Amino acid sequence: MKLGDHSIKPTKIICLGRNYVEHAKEMKAKIPKEPIFFVKTLNTLVTNGNPIIYPKLLYNTQEYNRVDHEVELAFIVSKTCKNIQSEHAYEYIEGYTIFLDITARKMQISDRNINLPWYRSKNFDTFGPIGPRITPCSEIEDPHNLELQLKINGEVRQHSNTKYLIFKIPETLAFLSKFITLVPGDIIATGTPSGVGPIQPRDLIEASIEQIGKITHKVILEE
């Protein structure tokens, strides 16, 4: 997969949940005491300008017909790491990009309420837009002071700053590396701020993070 001038071959996408206080509150969830993480699969990835496909399975079913946007700062692993210390974390990061954790929200809530995993609600095809490029660490002085924003049809839905991340990037990478061996190209998404909400077929999504750029995606109904 090519992001700007970089080509990456991720083996996994790891996402943090509830990593902004206000988002945890809007989801009526407790503030976590340690990072909460889950995996998205590679079939979700779609690069800038390509459509997000709204599955007919969700659209035509009252029980499941809500799909939400979640804009996130992501970072790309540069070299294999396992059991690293947080003070060495930046030695293992290639750079930063924009990630959208598209979520079948009604399905997620339904599964969670009967103690099933979140897997299927997170992993429909195209539910992981990413791009437009990887901004090298050398170009971003402080990844914990970046404005991020998401618009639907020109209307701002999410707007925050990465300074509000509960678990910062070094802590996150060190924590994950205790459980999982991370390899070059792996994608770590740091969580979404408040303001998540539904998308519909024909919507135009624009997500931006300062010093990185903007990704634009049209939502289309599955044929």
N, C-alpha and C. Protein backbone atom coordinates (compact mmCIF):
# COMPACT_ATOMS: atom_id res chain seq x y z
N MET A 1 0.84 -1.19 0.00
CA MET A 1 0.00 0.00 0.00
C MET A 1 0.88 1.24 0.00
N LYS A 2 0.52 2.22 -0.85
CA LYS A 2 1.32 3.43 -0.96
C LYS A 2 0.59 4.60 -0.31
N LEU A 3 1.28 5.28 0.60
CA LEU A 3 0.77 6.49 1.25
C LEU A 3 1.75 7.61 0.95
N GLY A 4 1.40 8.50 0.04
CA GLY A 4 2.32 9.54 -0.36
C GLY A 4 3.55 8.93 -0.99
N ASP A 5 4.72 9.27 -0.47
CA ASP A 5 5.98 8.75 -1.00
C ASP A 5 6.39 7.44 -0.33
N HIS A 6 5.58 6.94 0.61
CA HIS A 6 5.95 5.74 1.36
C HIS A 6 5.12 4.54 0.92
N SER A 7 5.75 3.40 0.84
CA SER A 7 5.05 2.14 0.65
C SER A 7 5.16 1.34 1.94
N ILE A 8 4.04 0.81 2.41
CA ILE A 8 4.05 0.02 3.63
C ILE A 8 3.31 -1.29 3.40
N LYS A 9 3.67 -2.29 4.17
CA LYS A 9 3.02 -3.59 4.12
C LYS A 9 2.65 -4.00 5.55
N PRO A 10 1.56 -3.42 6.07
CA PRO A 10 1.18 -3.73 7.45
C PRO A 10 0.74 -5.18 7.59
N THR A 11 1.01 -5.74 8.75
CA THR A 11 0.47 -7.06 9.08
C THR A 11 -0.76 -6.95 9.97
N LYS A 12 -0.94 -5.77 10.58
CA LYS A 12 -2.08 -5.60 11.48
C LYS A 12 -2.35 -4.11 11.71
N ILE A 13 -3.58 -3.84 12.11
CA ILE A 13 -4.03 -2.51 12.49
C ILE A 13 -4.53 -2.62 13.93
N ILE A 14 -3.91 -1.88 14.82
CA ILE A 14 -4.32 -1.91 16.23
C ILE A 14 -4.90 -0.54 16.58
N CYS A 15 -6.09 -0.55 17.16
CA CYS A 15 -6.79 0.70 17.49
C CYS A 15 -7.00 0.80 18.99
N LEU A 16 -6.91 2.02 19.49
CA LEU A 16 -7.22 2.28 20.89
C LEU A 16 -8.66 2.74 21.03
N GLY A 17 -9.32 2.25 22.06
CA GLY A 17 -10.67 2.69 22.36
C GLY A 17 -10.70 3.61 23.57
N ARG A 18 -11.62 4.56 23.57
CA ARG A 18 -11.86 5.46 24.71
C ARG A 18 -10.58 6.17 25.15
N ASN A 19 -9.85 6.71 24.19
CA ASN A 19 -8.58 7.36 24.54
C ASN A 19 -8.68 8.88 24.62
N TYR A 20 -9.90 9.40 24.55
CA TYR A 20 -10.19 10.80 24.85
C TYR A 20 -11.31 10.80 25.90
N VAL A 21 -11.17 11.60 26.93
CA VAL A 21 -12.15 11.61 28.02
C VAL A 21 -13.55 11.91 27.51
N GLU A 22 -13.68 12.93 26.67
CA GLU A 22 -15.01 13.34 26.21
C GLU A 22 -15.67 12.27 25.35
N HIS A 23 -14.87 11.52 24.59
CA HIS A 23 -15.46 10.42 23.80
C HIS A 23 -15.94 9.31 24.72
N ALA A 24 -15.15 8.97 25.73
CA ALA A 24 -15.60 7.96 26.69
C ALA A 24 -16.93 8.37 27.32
N LYS A 25 -17.04 9.65 27.65
CA LYS A 25 -18.28 10.14 28.26
C LYS A 25 -19.46 10.03 27.30
N GLU A 26 -19.24 10.39 26.01
CA GLU A 26 -20.36 10.35 25.07
C GLU A 26 -20.80 8.91 24.79
N MET A 27 -19.88 7.96 25.00
CA MET A 27 -20.24 6.55 24.83
C MET A 27 -20.76 5.93 26.13
N LYS A 28 -20.88 6.80 27.17
CA LYS A 28 -21.36 6.35 28.48
C LYS A 28 -20.50 5.21 29.02
N ALA A 29 -19.19 5.39 28.87
CA ALA A 29 -18.23 4.37 29.30
C ALA A 29 -17.28 4.95 30.33
N LYS A 30 -16.69 4.09 31.11
CA LYS A 30 -15.73 4.51 32.12
C LYS A 30 -14.43 4.96 31.46
N ILE A 31 -13.74 5.89 32.12
CA ILE A 31 -12.42 6.31 31.67
C ILE A 31 -11.46 5.15 31.95
N PRO A 32 -10.75 4.67 30.94
CA PRO A 32 -9.89 3.49 31.16
C PRO A 32 -8.68 3.80 32.03
N LYS A 33 -8.23 2.80 32.76
CA LYS A 33 -7.04 2.93 33.60
C LYS A 33 -5.77 2.47 32.88
N GLU A 34 -5.94 1.74 31.78
CA GLU A 34 -4.85 1.35 30.91
C GLU A 34 -5.40 1.29 29.49
N PRO A 35 -4.54 1.34 28.48
CA PRO A 35 -5.05 1.36 27.10
C PRO A 35 -5.95 0.17 26.79
N ILE A 36 -7.06 0.48 26.12
CA ILE A 36 -7.97 -0.54 25.60
C ILE A 36 -7.66 -0.67 24.11
N PHE A 37 -7.35 -1.86 23.66
CA PHE A 37 -7.04 -1.98 22.24
C PHE A 37 -7.78 -3.14 21.60
N PHE A 38 -8.00 -2.99 20.29
CA PHE A 38 -8.66 -4.01 19.49
C PHE A 38 -8.02 -3.98 18.10
N VAL A 39 -8.32 -4.99 17.30
CA VAL A 39 -7.68 -5.12 16.00
C VAL A 39 -8.69 -4.91 14.87
N LYS A 40 -8.27 -4.16 13.86
CA LYS A 40 -9.00 -4.11 12.60
C LYS A 40 -8.18 -4.89 11.57
N THR A 41 -8.88 -5.49 10.62
CA THR A 41 -8.21 -6.35 9.65
C THR A 41 -7.88 -5.59 8.36
N LEU A 42 -6.96 -6.15 7.58
CA LEU A 42 -6.41 -5.43 6.44
C LEU A 42 -7.43 -5.17 5.34
N ASN A 43 -8.51 -5.94 5.28
CA ASN A 43 -9.55 -5.70 4.27
C ASN A 43 -10.25 -4.36 4.47
N THR A 44 -10.11 -3.76 5.66
CA THR A 44 -10.76 -2.47 5.91
C THR A 44 -10.04 -1.31 5.24
N LEU A 45 -8.75 -1.49 4.91
CA LEU A 45 -7.95 -0.36 4.45
C LEU A 45 -8.38 0.14 3.08
N VAL A 46 -8.48 1.45 2.96
CA VAL A 46 -8.76 2.11 1.69
C VAL A 46 -8.05 3.45 1.72
N THR A 47 -7.41 3.82 0.63
CA THR A 47 -6.61 5.04 0.61
C THR A 47 -7.42 6.24 0.13
N ASN A 48 -6.83 7.40 0.29
CA ASN A 48 -7.48 8.68 0.03
C ASN A 48 -8.16 8.71 -1.34
N GLY A 49 -9.42 9.18 -1.34
CA GLY A 49 -10.17 9.36 -2.58
C GLY A 49 -11.03 8.19 -2.97
N ASN A 50 -10.78 7.04 -2.39
CA ASN A 50 -11.60 5.86 -2.69
C ASN A 50 -12.85 5.84 -1.82
N PRO A 51 -13.93 5.22 -2.31
CA PRO A 51 -15.18 5.27 -1.56
C PRO A 51 -15.19 4.39 -0.33
N ILE A 52 -16.00 4.81 0.65
CA ILE A 52 -16.37 3.97 1.79
C ILE A 52 -17.68 3.29 1.42
N ILE A 53 -17.69 1.97 1.47
CA ILE A 53 -18.88 1.21 1.06
C ILE A 53 -19.76 0.94 2.27
N TYR A 54 -21.00 1.43 2.20
CA TYR A 54 -21.99 1.19 3.26
C TYR A 54 -22.67 -0.15 2.95
N PRO A 55 -22.46 -1.18 3.77
CA PRO A 55 -22.98 -2.51 3.45
C PRO A 55 -24.51 -2.55 3.41
N LYS A 56 -25.05 -3.25 2.41
CA LYS A 56 -26.51 -3.42 2.33
C LYS A 56 -27.05 -4.16 3.55
N LEU A 57 -26.23 -5.07 4.08
CA LEU A 57 -26.63 -5.81 5.27
C LEU A 57 -27.03 -4.87 6.40
N LEU A 58 -26.31 -3.75 6.53
CA LEU A 58 -26.61 -2.78 7.57
C LEU A 58 -27.71 -1.82 7.16
N TYR A 59 -27.64 -1.33 5.94
CA TYR A 59 -28.57 -0.30 5.46
C TYR A 59 -30.01 -0.80 5.46
N ASN A 60 -30.20 -2.06 5.14
CA ASN A 60 -31.56 -2.60 4.97
C ASN A 60 -32.10 -3.26 6.23
N THR A 61 -31.38 -3.14 7.34
CA THR A 61 -31.79 -3.80 8.58
C THR A 61 -31.95 -2.76 9.68
N GLN A 62 -33.16 -2.55 10.15
CA GLN A 62 -33.42 -1.56 11.18
C GLN A 62 -32.57 -1.80 12.43
N GLU A 63 -32.30 -3.05 12.72
CA GLU A 63 -31.54 -3.40 13.91
C GLU A 63 -30.11 -2.87 13.86
N TYR A 64 -29.55 -2.72 12.62
CA TYR A 64 -28.14 -2.41 12.48
C TYR A 64 -27.84 -1.16 11.65
N ASN A 65 -28.84 -0.38 11.28
CA ASN A 65 -28.62 0.65 10.27
C ASN A 65 -28.07 1.97 10.82
N ARG A 66 -26.98 1.87 11.54
CA ARG A 66 -26.21 3.06 11.89
C ARG A 66 -24.72 2.74 11.76
N VAL A 67 -24.04 3.56 10.95
CA VAL A 67 -22.60 3.46 10.75
C VAL A 67 -22.00 4.81 11.12
N ASP A 68 -20.95 4.80 11.95
CA ASP A 68 -20.38 6.04 12.49
C ASP A 68 -18.98 6.31 11.95
N HIS A 69 -18.62 7.59 11.95
CA HIS A 69 -17.27 8.05 11.64
C HIS A 69 -16.49 8.24 12.93
N GLU A 70 -15.17 7.98 12.86
CA GLU A 70 -14.26 8.23 13.99
C GLU A 70 -12.90 8.63 13.40
N VAL A 71 -12.52 9.89 13.53
CA VAL A 71 -11.22 10.33 13.01
C VAL A 71 -10.14 10.13 14.07
N GLU A 72 -8.95 9.70 13.62
CA GLU A 72 -7.88 9.38 14.58
C GLU A 72 -6.51 9.71 13.99
N LEU A 73 -5.59 10.08 14.86
CA LEU A 73 -4.18 10.12 14.52
C LEU A 73 -3.65 8.70 14.61
N ALA A 74 -2.92 8.27 13.57
CA ALA A 74 -2.28 6.96 13.59
C ALA A 74 -0.79 7.13 13.39
N PHE A 75 -0.05 6.15 13.89
CA PHE A 75 1.39 6.15 13.59
C PHE A 75 1.78 4.79 13.02
N ILE A 76 2.88 4.80 12.27
CA ILE A 76 3.34 3.62 11.55
C ILE A 76 4.63 3.11 12.20
N VAL A 77 4.67 1.83 12.49
CA VAL A 77 5.85 1.21 13.10
C VAL A 77 6.97 1.11 12.07
N SER A 78 8.19 1.45 12.48
CA SER A 78 9.33 1.48 11.56
C SER A 78 10.21 0.25 11.64
N LYS A 79 10.25 -0.39 12.81
CA LYS A 79 11.08 -1.59 12.95
C LYS A 79 10.50 -2.48 14.03
N THR A 80 10.88 -3.73 14.00
CA THR A 80 10.31 -4.72 14.91
C THR A 80 10.55 -4.32 16.36
N CYS A 81 9.49 -4.40 17.15
CA CYS A 81 9.64 -4.06 18.57
C CYS A 81 8.81 -4.99 19.43
N LYS A 82 9.38 -5.32 20.56
CA LYS A 82 8.75 -6.18 21.56
C LYS A 82 9.33 -5.81 22.93
N ASN A 83 8.45 -5.59 23.88
CA ASN A 83 8.86 -5.26 25.26
C ASN A 83 9.78 -4.04 25.31
N ILE A 84 9.42 -2.99 24.59
CA ILE A 84 10.25 -1.78 24.61
C ILE A 84 9.85 -0.88 25.78
N GLN A 85 10.71 0.03 26.13
CA GLN A 85 10.43 1.04 27.14
C GLN A 85 9.90 2.30 26.47
N SER A 86 9.03 3.01 27.17
CA SER A 86 8.38 4.18 26.57
C SER A 86 9.39 5.25 26.14
N GLU A 87 10.51 5.36 26.87
CA GLU A 87 11.49 6.40 26.51
C GLU A 87 12.19 6.11 25.19
N HIS A 88 12.03 4.89 24.67
CA HIS A 88 12.64 4.55 23.38
C HIS A 88 11.61 4.46 22.26
N ALA A 89 10.36 4.81 22.54
CA ALA A 89 9.28 4.56 21.60
C ALA A 89 9.49 5.23 20.25
N TYR A 90 9.96 6.47 20.24
CA TYR A 90 10.07 7.19 18.97
C TYR A 90 11.12 6.58 18.05
N GLU A 91 11.98 5.74 18.56
CA GLU A 91 12.96 5.04 17.73
C GLU A 91 12.28 3.99 16.85
N TYR A 92 11.03 3.67 17.16
CA TYR A 92 10.31 2.62 16.44
C TYR A 92 9.15 3.16 15.60
N ILE A 93 9.09 4.47 15.42
CA ILE A 93 7.98 5.09 14.69
C ILE A 93 8.50 5.72 13.41
N GLU A 94 7.88 5.33 12.28
CA GLU A 94 8.26 5.90 10.99
C GLU A 94 7.64 7.28 10.78
N GLY A 95 6.40 7.44 11.20
CA GLY A 95 5.72 8.71 11.01
C GLY A 95 4.25 8.59 11.33
N TYR A 96 3.48 9.61 10.92
CA TYR A 96 2.09 9.76 11.33
C TYR A 96 1.18 9.92 10.12
N THR A 97 -0.07 9.50 10.29
CA THR A 97 -1.05 9.61 9.22
C THR A 97 -2.44 9.75 9.82
N ILE A 98 -3.44 9.90 8.96
CA ILE A 98 -4.84 10.00 9.37
C ILE A 98 -5.49 8.64 9.19
N PHE A 99 -6.31 8.27 10.14
CA PHE A 99 -7.05 7.00 10.06
C PHE A 99 -8.49 7.24 10.46
N LEU A 100 -9.42 6.59 9.75
CA LEU A 100 -10.83 6.62 10.12
C LEU A 100 -11.25 5.23 10.57
N ASP A 101 -11.71 5.15 11.80
CA ASP A 101 -12.23 3.89 12.33
C ASP A 101 -13.74 3.89 12.12
N ILE A 102 -14.16 3.47 10.91
CA ILE A 102 -15.58 3.41 10.61
C ILE A 102 -16.18 2.22 11.38
N THR A 103 -17.34 2.45 12.00
CA THR A 103 -17.90 1.48 12.94
C THR A 103 -19.40 1.29 12.71
N ALA A 104 -19.82 0.05 12.59
CA ALA A 104 -21.26 -0.26 12.55
C ALA A 104 -21.78 -0.17 13.98
N ARG A 105 -22.26 1.02 14.36
CA ARG A 105 -22.49 1.31 15.77
C ARG A 105 -23.60 0.47 16.39
N LYS A 106 -24.73 0.35 15.72
CA LYS A 106 -25.82 -0.44 16.32
C LYS A 106 -25.39 -1.89 16.48
N MET A 107 -24.65 -2.40 15.52
CA MET A 107 -24.16 -3.77 15.62
C MET A 107 -23.17 -3.91 16.77
N GLN A 108 -22.29 -2.92 16.93
CA GLN A 108 -21.33 -2.95 18.02
C GLN A 108 -22.05 -2.98 19.38
N ILE A 109 -23.02 -2.10 19.55
CA ILE A 109 -23.75 -2.03 20.81
C ILE A 109 -24.52 -3.32 21.07
N SER A 110 -25.15 -3.84 20.03
CA SER A 110 -25.91 -5.09 20.17
C SER A 110 -25.00 -6.24 20.60
N ASP A 111 -23.85 -6.35 19.95
CA ASP A 111 -22.91 -7.43 20.29
C ASP A 111 -22.35 -7.25 21.69
N ARG A 112 -22.01 -6.01 22.03
CA ARG A 112 -21.45 -5.75 23.36
C ARG A 112 -22.45 -6.08 24.47
N ASN A 113 -23.72 -5.80 24.21
CA ASN A 113 -24.75 -6.03 25.22
C ASN A 113 -24.96 -7.50 25.54
N ILE A 114 -24.55 -8.38 24.63
CA ILE A 114 -24.67 -9.82 24.91
C ILE A 114 -23.29 -10.46 25.02
N ASN A 115 -22.31 -9.60 25.37
CA ASN A 115 -20.95 -10.06 25.68
C ASN A 115 -20.24 -10.74 24.51
N LEU A 116 -20.56 -10.29 23.31
CA LEU A 116 -19.83 -10.75 22.13
C LEU A 116 -18.74 -9.73 21.78
N PRO A 117 -17.71 -10.14 21.05
CA PRO A 117 -16.65 -9.20 20.69
C PRO A 117 -17.12 -8.17 19.67
N TRP A 118 -16.30 -7.10 19.51
CA TRP A 118 -16.62 -6.01 18.58
C TRP A 118 -16.26 -6.35 17.14
N TYR A 119 -15.71 -7.52 16.89
CA TYR A 119 -15.02 -7.77 15.62
C TYR A 119 -15.82 -7.38 14.38
N ARG A 120 -17.03 -7.91 14.24
CA ARG A 120 -17.72 -7.73 12.95
C ARG A 120 -18.12 -6.28 12.71
N SER A 121 -18.42 -5.53 13.76
CA SER A 121 -18.85 -4.14 13.59
C SER A 121 -17.72 -3.24 13.13
N LYS A 122 -16.48 -3.68 13.29
CA LYS A 122 -15.31 -2.86 12.96
C LYS A 122 -14.66 -3.24 11.63
N ASN A 123 -15.04 -4.37 11.04
CA ASN A 123 -14.20 -4.95 10.01
C ASN A 123 -14.86 -5.21 8.66
N PHE A 124 -15.91 -4.47 8.36
CA PHE A 124 -16.44 -4.51 7.00
C PHE A 124 -15.40 -3.93 6.03
N ASP A 125 -15.47 -4.36 4.78
CA ASP A 125 -14.58 -3.81 3.75
C ASP A 125 -14.68 -2.28 3.73
N THR A 126 -13.56 -1.62 3.59
CA THR A 126 -13.40 -0.14 3.48
C THR A 126 -13.67 0.59 4.78
N PHE A 127 -13.75 -0.09 5.91
CA PHE A 127 -14.02 0.57 7.19
C PHE A 127 -12.75 1.08 7.87
N GLY A 128 -11.65 1.22 7.09
CA GLY A 128 -10.41 1.76 7.63
C GLY A 128 -9.70 2.71 6.67
N PRO A 129 -10.33 3.81 6.27
CA PRO A 129 -9.65 4.78 5.39
C PRO A 129 -8.38 5.33 6.04
N ILE A 130 -7.34 5.54 5.22
CA ILE A 130 -6.05 5.97 5.74
C ILE A 130 -5.35 6.86 4.73
N GLY A 131 -4.55 7.81 5.21
CA GLY A 131 -3.77 8.66 4.30
C GLY A 131 -3.72 10.09 4.80
N PRO A 132 -3.39 11.05 3.92
CA PRO A 132 -3.01 10.85 2.52
C PRO A 132 -1.54 10.46 2.37
N ARG A 133 -0.77 10.61 3.46
CA ARG A 133 0.65 10.32 3.41
C ARG A 133 1.12 9.95 4.81
N ILE A 134 2.36 9.50 4.90
CA ILE A 134 3.01 9.34 6.19
C ILE A 134 3.92 10.54 6.39
N THR A 135 3.63 11.33 7.39
CA THR A 135 4.47 12.48 7.72
C THR A 135 5.58 12.01 8.65
N PRO A 136 6.85 12.14 8.25
CA PRO A 136 7.94 11.65 9.08
C PRO A 136 7.97 12.33 10.44
N CYS A 137 8.48 11.61 11.42
CA CYS A 137 8.61 12.17 12.77
C CYS A 137 9.40 13.47 12.77
N SER A 138 10.37 13.58 11.87
CA SER A 138 11.21 14.77 11.82
C SER A 138 10.44 16.02 11.45
N GLU A 139 9.25 15.87 10.84
CA GLU A 139 8.45 17.01 10.42
C GLU A 139 7.42 17.43 11.47
N ILE A 140 7.24 16.62 12.49
CA ILE A 140 6.25 16.92 13.54
C ILE A 140 6.97 17.02 14.88
N GLU A 141 7.09 18.23 15.36
CA GLU A 141 7.83 18.45 16.61
C GLU A 141 7.13 17.81 17.79
N ASP A 142 5.79 17.94 17.83
CA ASP A 142 5.05 17.39 18.96
C ASP A 142 3.77 16.74 18.45
N PRO A 143 3.71 15.40 18.37
CA PRO A 143 2.49 14.74 17.90
C PRO A 143 1.33 14.86 18.88
N HIS A 144 1.62 15.38 20.07
CA HIS A 144 0.57 15.56 21.09
C HIS A 144 0.07 17.00 21.13
N ASN A 145 0.19 17.69 20.00
CA ASN A 145 -0.39 19.04 19.89
C ASN A 145 -0.78 19.28 18.44
N LEU A 146 -1.67 18.42 17.93
CA LEU A 146 -2.14 18.50 16.55
C LEU A 146 -3.66 18.64 16.53
N GLU A 147 -4.14 19.63 15.79
CA GLU A 147 -5.58 19.78 15.61
C GLU A 147 -6.07 18.69 14.64
N LEU A 148 -7.18 18.04 15.00
CA LEU A 148 -7.79 17.09 14.09
C LEU A 148 -9.27 17.41 13.94
N GLN A 149 -9.78 17.15 12.74
CA GLN A 149 -11.15 17.59 12.42
C GLN A 149 -11.76 16.63 11.40
N LEU A 150 -13.07 16.47 11.51
CA LEU A 150 -13.81 15.70 10.51
C LEU A 150 -15.07 16.46 10.14
N LYS A 151 -15.32 16.53 8.82
CA LYS A 151 -16.52 17.18 8.29
C LYS A 151 -17.34 16.17 7.50
N ILE A 152 -18.67 16.33 7.60
CA ILE A 152 -19.59 15.59 6.76
C ILE A 152 -20.35 16.60 5.91
N ASN A 153 -20.19 16.52 4.60
CA ASN A 153 -20.84 17.45 3.67
C ASN A 153 -20.57 18.90 4.06
N GLY A 154 -19.34 19.17 4.48
CA GLY A 154 -18.92 20.52 4.81
C GLY A 154 -19.21 20.95 6.24
N GLU A 155 -19.94 20.15 7.00
CA GLU A 155 -20.28 20.48 8.38
C GLU A 155 -19.31 19.81 9.34
N VAL A 156 -18.73 20.58 10.26
CA VAL A 156 -17.77 20.02 11.22
C VAL A 156 -18.51 19.13 12.22
N ARG A 157 -18.07 17.88 12.33
CA ARG A 157 -18.65 16.93 13.27
C ARG A 157 -17.70 16.62 14.43
N GLN A 158 -16.41 16.56 14.14
CA GLN A 158 -15.41 16.31 15.18
C GLN A 158 -14.30 17.34 15.05
N HIS A 159 -13.88 17.89 16.19
CA HIS A 159 -12.79 18.86 16.20
C HIS A 159 -12.14 18.82 17.58
N SER A 160 -10.88 18.45 17.62
CA SER A 160 -10.19 18.36 18.90
C SER A 160 -8.70 18.50 18.66
N ASN A 161 -7.93 18.11 19.66
CA ASN A 161 -6.48 18.21 19.60
C ASN A 161 -5.89 16.97 20.27
N THR A 162 -4.79 16.49 19.72
CA THR A 162 -4.18 15.28 20.27
C THR A 162 -3.59 15.49 21.66
N LYS A 163 -3.54 16.72 22.14
CA LYS A 163 -3.07 16.94 23.51
C LYS A 163 -4.03 16.33 24.53
N TYR A 164 -5.25 16.01 24.08
CA TYR A 164 -6.23 15.43 24.99
C TYR A 164 -6.20 13.91 25.02
N LEU A 165 -5.26 13.29 24.31
CA LEU A 165 -5.12 11.85 24.41
C LEU A 165 -4.87 11.44 25.87
N ILE A 166 -5.57 10.44 26.33
CA ILE A 166 -5.35 9.96 27.70
C ILE A 166 -4.00 9.25 27.78
N PHE A 167 -3.80 8.31 26.88
CA PHE A 167 -2.55 7.56 26.82
C PHE A 167 -1.73 8.07 25.64
N LYS A 168 -0.58 8.65 25.93
CA LYS A 168 0.24 9.25 24.90
C LYS A 168 0.94 8.18 24.08
N ILE A 169 1.54 8.59 22.98
CA ILE A 169 2.11 7.64 22.03
C ILE A 169 3.19 6.76 22.63
N PRO A 170 4.19 7.29 23.36
CA PRO A 170 5.21 6.40 23.92
C PRO A 170 4.64 5.35 24.87
N GLU A 171 3.72 5.77 25.73
CA GLU A 171 3.09 4.84 26.66
C GLU A 171 2.30 3.78 25.92
N THR A 172 1.59 4.20 24.87
CA THR A 172 0.79 3.28 24.08
C THR A 172 1.65 2.22 23.40
N LEU A 173 2.72 2.65 22.75
CA LEU A 173 3.57 1.71 22.03
C LEU A 173 4.24 0.73 23.00
N ALA A 174 4.74 1.23 24.11
CA ALA A 174 5.37 0.36 25.10
C ALA A 174 4.37 -0.66 25.64
N PHE A 175 3.15 -0.21 25.91
CA PHE A 175 2.11 -1.10 26.44
C PHE A 175 1.77 -2.20 25.43
N LEU A 176 1.54 -1.81 24.19
CA LEU A 176 1.19 -2.81 23.17
C LEU A 176 2.30 -3.82 22.98
N SER A 177 3.55 -3.34 23.04
CA SER A 177 4.68 -4.23 22.77
C SER A 177 4.88 -5.28 23.86
N LYS A 178 4.19 -5.13 24.98
CA LYS A 178 4.24 -6.16 26.01
C LYS A 178 3.43 -7.39 25.61
N PHE A 179 2.45 -7.18 24.74
CA PHE A 179 1.54 -8.25 24.35
C PHE A 179 1.80 -8.78 22.94
N ILE A 180 2.25 -7.88 22.05
CA ILE A 180 2.30 -8.18 20.62
C ILE A 180 3.65 -7.77 20.06
N THR A 181 4.22 -8.60 19.21
CA THR A 181 5.39 -8.17 18.45
C THR A 181 4.92 -7.33 17.28
N LEU A 182 5.38 -6.10 17.22
CA LEU A 182 5.02 -5.17 16.16
C LEU A 182 6.13 -5.16 15.12
N VAL A 183 5.74 -5.08 13.85
CA VAL A 183 6.73 -5.15 12.77
C VAL A 183 6.57 -3.95 11.84
N PRO A 184 7.58 -3.66 11.02
CA PRO A 184 7.51 -2.49 10.14
C PRO A 184 6.24 -2.47 9.29
N GLY A 185 5.61 -1.30 9.27
CA GLY A 185 4.38 -1.12 8.50
C GLY A 185 3.11 -1.26 9.31
N ASP A 186 3.20 -1.85 10.50
CA ASP A 186 1.99 -1.98 11.32
C ASP A 186 1.43 -0.60 11.67
N ILE A 187 0.11 -0.52 11.74
CA ILE A 187 -0.60 0.74 11.94
C ILE A 187 -1.20 0.76 13.33
N ILE A 188 -0.92 1.82 14.08
CA ILE A 188 -1.49 1.99 15.42
C ILE A 188 -2.34 3.26 15.40
N ALA A 189 -3.64 3.12 15.61
CA ALA A 189 -4.56 4.26 15.64
C ALA A 189 -4.83 4.62 17.10
N THR A 190 -4.71 5.91 17.42
CA THR A 190 -4.63 6.33 18.82
C THR A 190 -5.97 6.67 19.47
N GLY A 191 -7.08 6.47 18.75
CA GLY A 191 -8.38 6.74 19.35
C GLY A 191 -9.00 8.01 18.80
N THR A 192 -10.31 8.13 18.99
CA THR A 192 -11.06 9.25 18.43
C THR A 192 -11.58 10.18 19.52
N PRO A 193 -11.67 11.48 19.21
CA PRO A 193 -12.29 12.41 20.17
C PRO A 193 -13.81 12.34 20.10
N SER A 194 -14.47 13.18 20.88
CA SER A 194 -15.93 13.20 20.89
C SER A 194 -16.47 13.73 19.56
N GLY A 195 -17.77 13.53 19.37
CA GLY A 195 -18.43 14.02 18.17
C GLY A 195 -18.73 12.94 17.15
N VAL A 196 -18.48 11.68 17.50
CA VAL A 196 -18.77 10.61 16.55
C VAL A 196 -20.26 10.62 16.22
N GLY A 197 -20.57 10.21 14.99
CA GLY A 197 -21.96 10.24 14.57
C GLY A 197 -22.15 9.49 13.27
N PRO A 198 -23.41 9.40 12.82
CA PRO A 198 -23.73 8.54 11.68
C PRO A 198 -23.32 9.15 10.33
N ILE A 199 -23.01 8.24 9.42
CA ILE A 199 -22.81 8.59 8.02
C ILE A 199 -23.88 7.88 7.19
N GLN A 200 -24.13 8.43 5.99
CA GLN A 200 -25.14 7.87 5.10
C GLN A 200 -24.58 7.79 3.68
N PRO A 201 -25.12 6.88 2.87
CA PRO A 201 -24.73 6.88 1.46
C PRO A 201 -24.92 8.27 0.84
N ARG A 202 -23.96 8.64 0.01
CA ARG A 202 -23.86 9.94 -0.68
C ARG A 202 -23.20 11.02 0.16
N ASP A 203 -22.92 10.75 1.44
CA ASP A 203 -22.17 11.72 2.24
C ASP A 203 -20.75 11.86 1.71
N LEU A 204 -20.18 13.05 1.90
CA LEU A 204 -18.78 13.30 1.61
C LEU A 204 -18.07 13.53 2.94
N ILE A 205 -17.08 12.71 3.23
CA ILE A 205 -16.31 12.80 4.47
C ILE A 205 -14.97 13.44 4.18
N GLU A 206 -14.62 14.47 4.97
CA GLU A 206 -13.30 15.10 4.89
C GLU A 206 -12.69 15.07 6.29
N ALA A 207 -11.55 14.41 6.41
CA ALA A 207 -10.87 14.30 7.70
C ALA A 207 -9.48 14.90 7.56
N SER A 208 -9.09 15.73 8.53
CA SER A 208 -7.80 16.41 8.43
C SER A 208 -7.10 16.43 9.78
N ILE A 209 -5.77 16.41 9.72
CA ILE A 209 -4.92 16.61 10.88
C ILE A 209 -3.81 17.54 10.45
N GLU A 210 -3.59 18.59 11.25
CA GLU A 210 -2.58 19.56 10.85
C GLU A 210 -1.20 18.90 10.74
N GLN A 211 -0.42 19.41 9.81
CA GLN A 211 0.92 18.94 9.47
C GLN A 211 0.91 17.59 8.74
N ILE A 212 -0.28 17.00 8.57
CA ILE A 212 -0.36 15.74 7.82
C ILE A 212 -1.13 15.94 6.52
N GLY A 213 -2.32 16.56 6.59
CA GLY A 213 -3.10 16.80 5.39
C GLY A 213 -4.55 16.45 5.58
N LYS A 214 -5.19 15.98 4.50
CA LYS A 214 -6.62 15.72 4.51
C LYS A 214 -6.92 14.51 3.64
N ILE A 215 -7.88 13.71 4.07
CA ILE A 215 -8.40 12.63 3.24
C ILE A 215 -9.87 12.90 2.97
N THR A 216 -10.31 12.50 1.79
CA THR A 216 -11.69 12.76 1.36
C THR A 216 -12.28 11.44 0.81
N HIS A 217 -13.47 11.11 1.29
CA HIS A 217 -14.09 9.85 0.88
C HIS A 217 -15.59 10.05 0.69
N LYS A 218 -16.11 9.56 -0.40
CA LYS A 218 -17.55 9.51 -0.65
C LYS A 218 -18.09 8.20 -0.09
N VAL A 219 -19.24 8.27 0.56
CA VAL A 219 -19.90 7.07 1.07
C VAL A 219 -20.88 6.57 -0.01
N ILE A 220 -20.74 5.33 -0.38
CA ILE A 220 -21.64 4.76 -1.39
C ILE A 220 -22.31 3.52 -0.83
N LEU A 221 -23.53 3.25 -1.29
CA LEU A 221 -24.24 2.05 -0.87
C LEU A 221 -23.72 0.86 -1.66
N GLU A 222 -23.48 -0.22 -0.97
CA GLU A 222 -23.03 -1.45 -1.63
C GLU A 222 -24.01 -1.87 -2.72
N GLU A 223 -23.49 -2.23 -3.86
CA GLU A 223 -24.35 -2.66 -4.98
C GLU A 223 -24.81 -4.09 -4.79
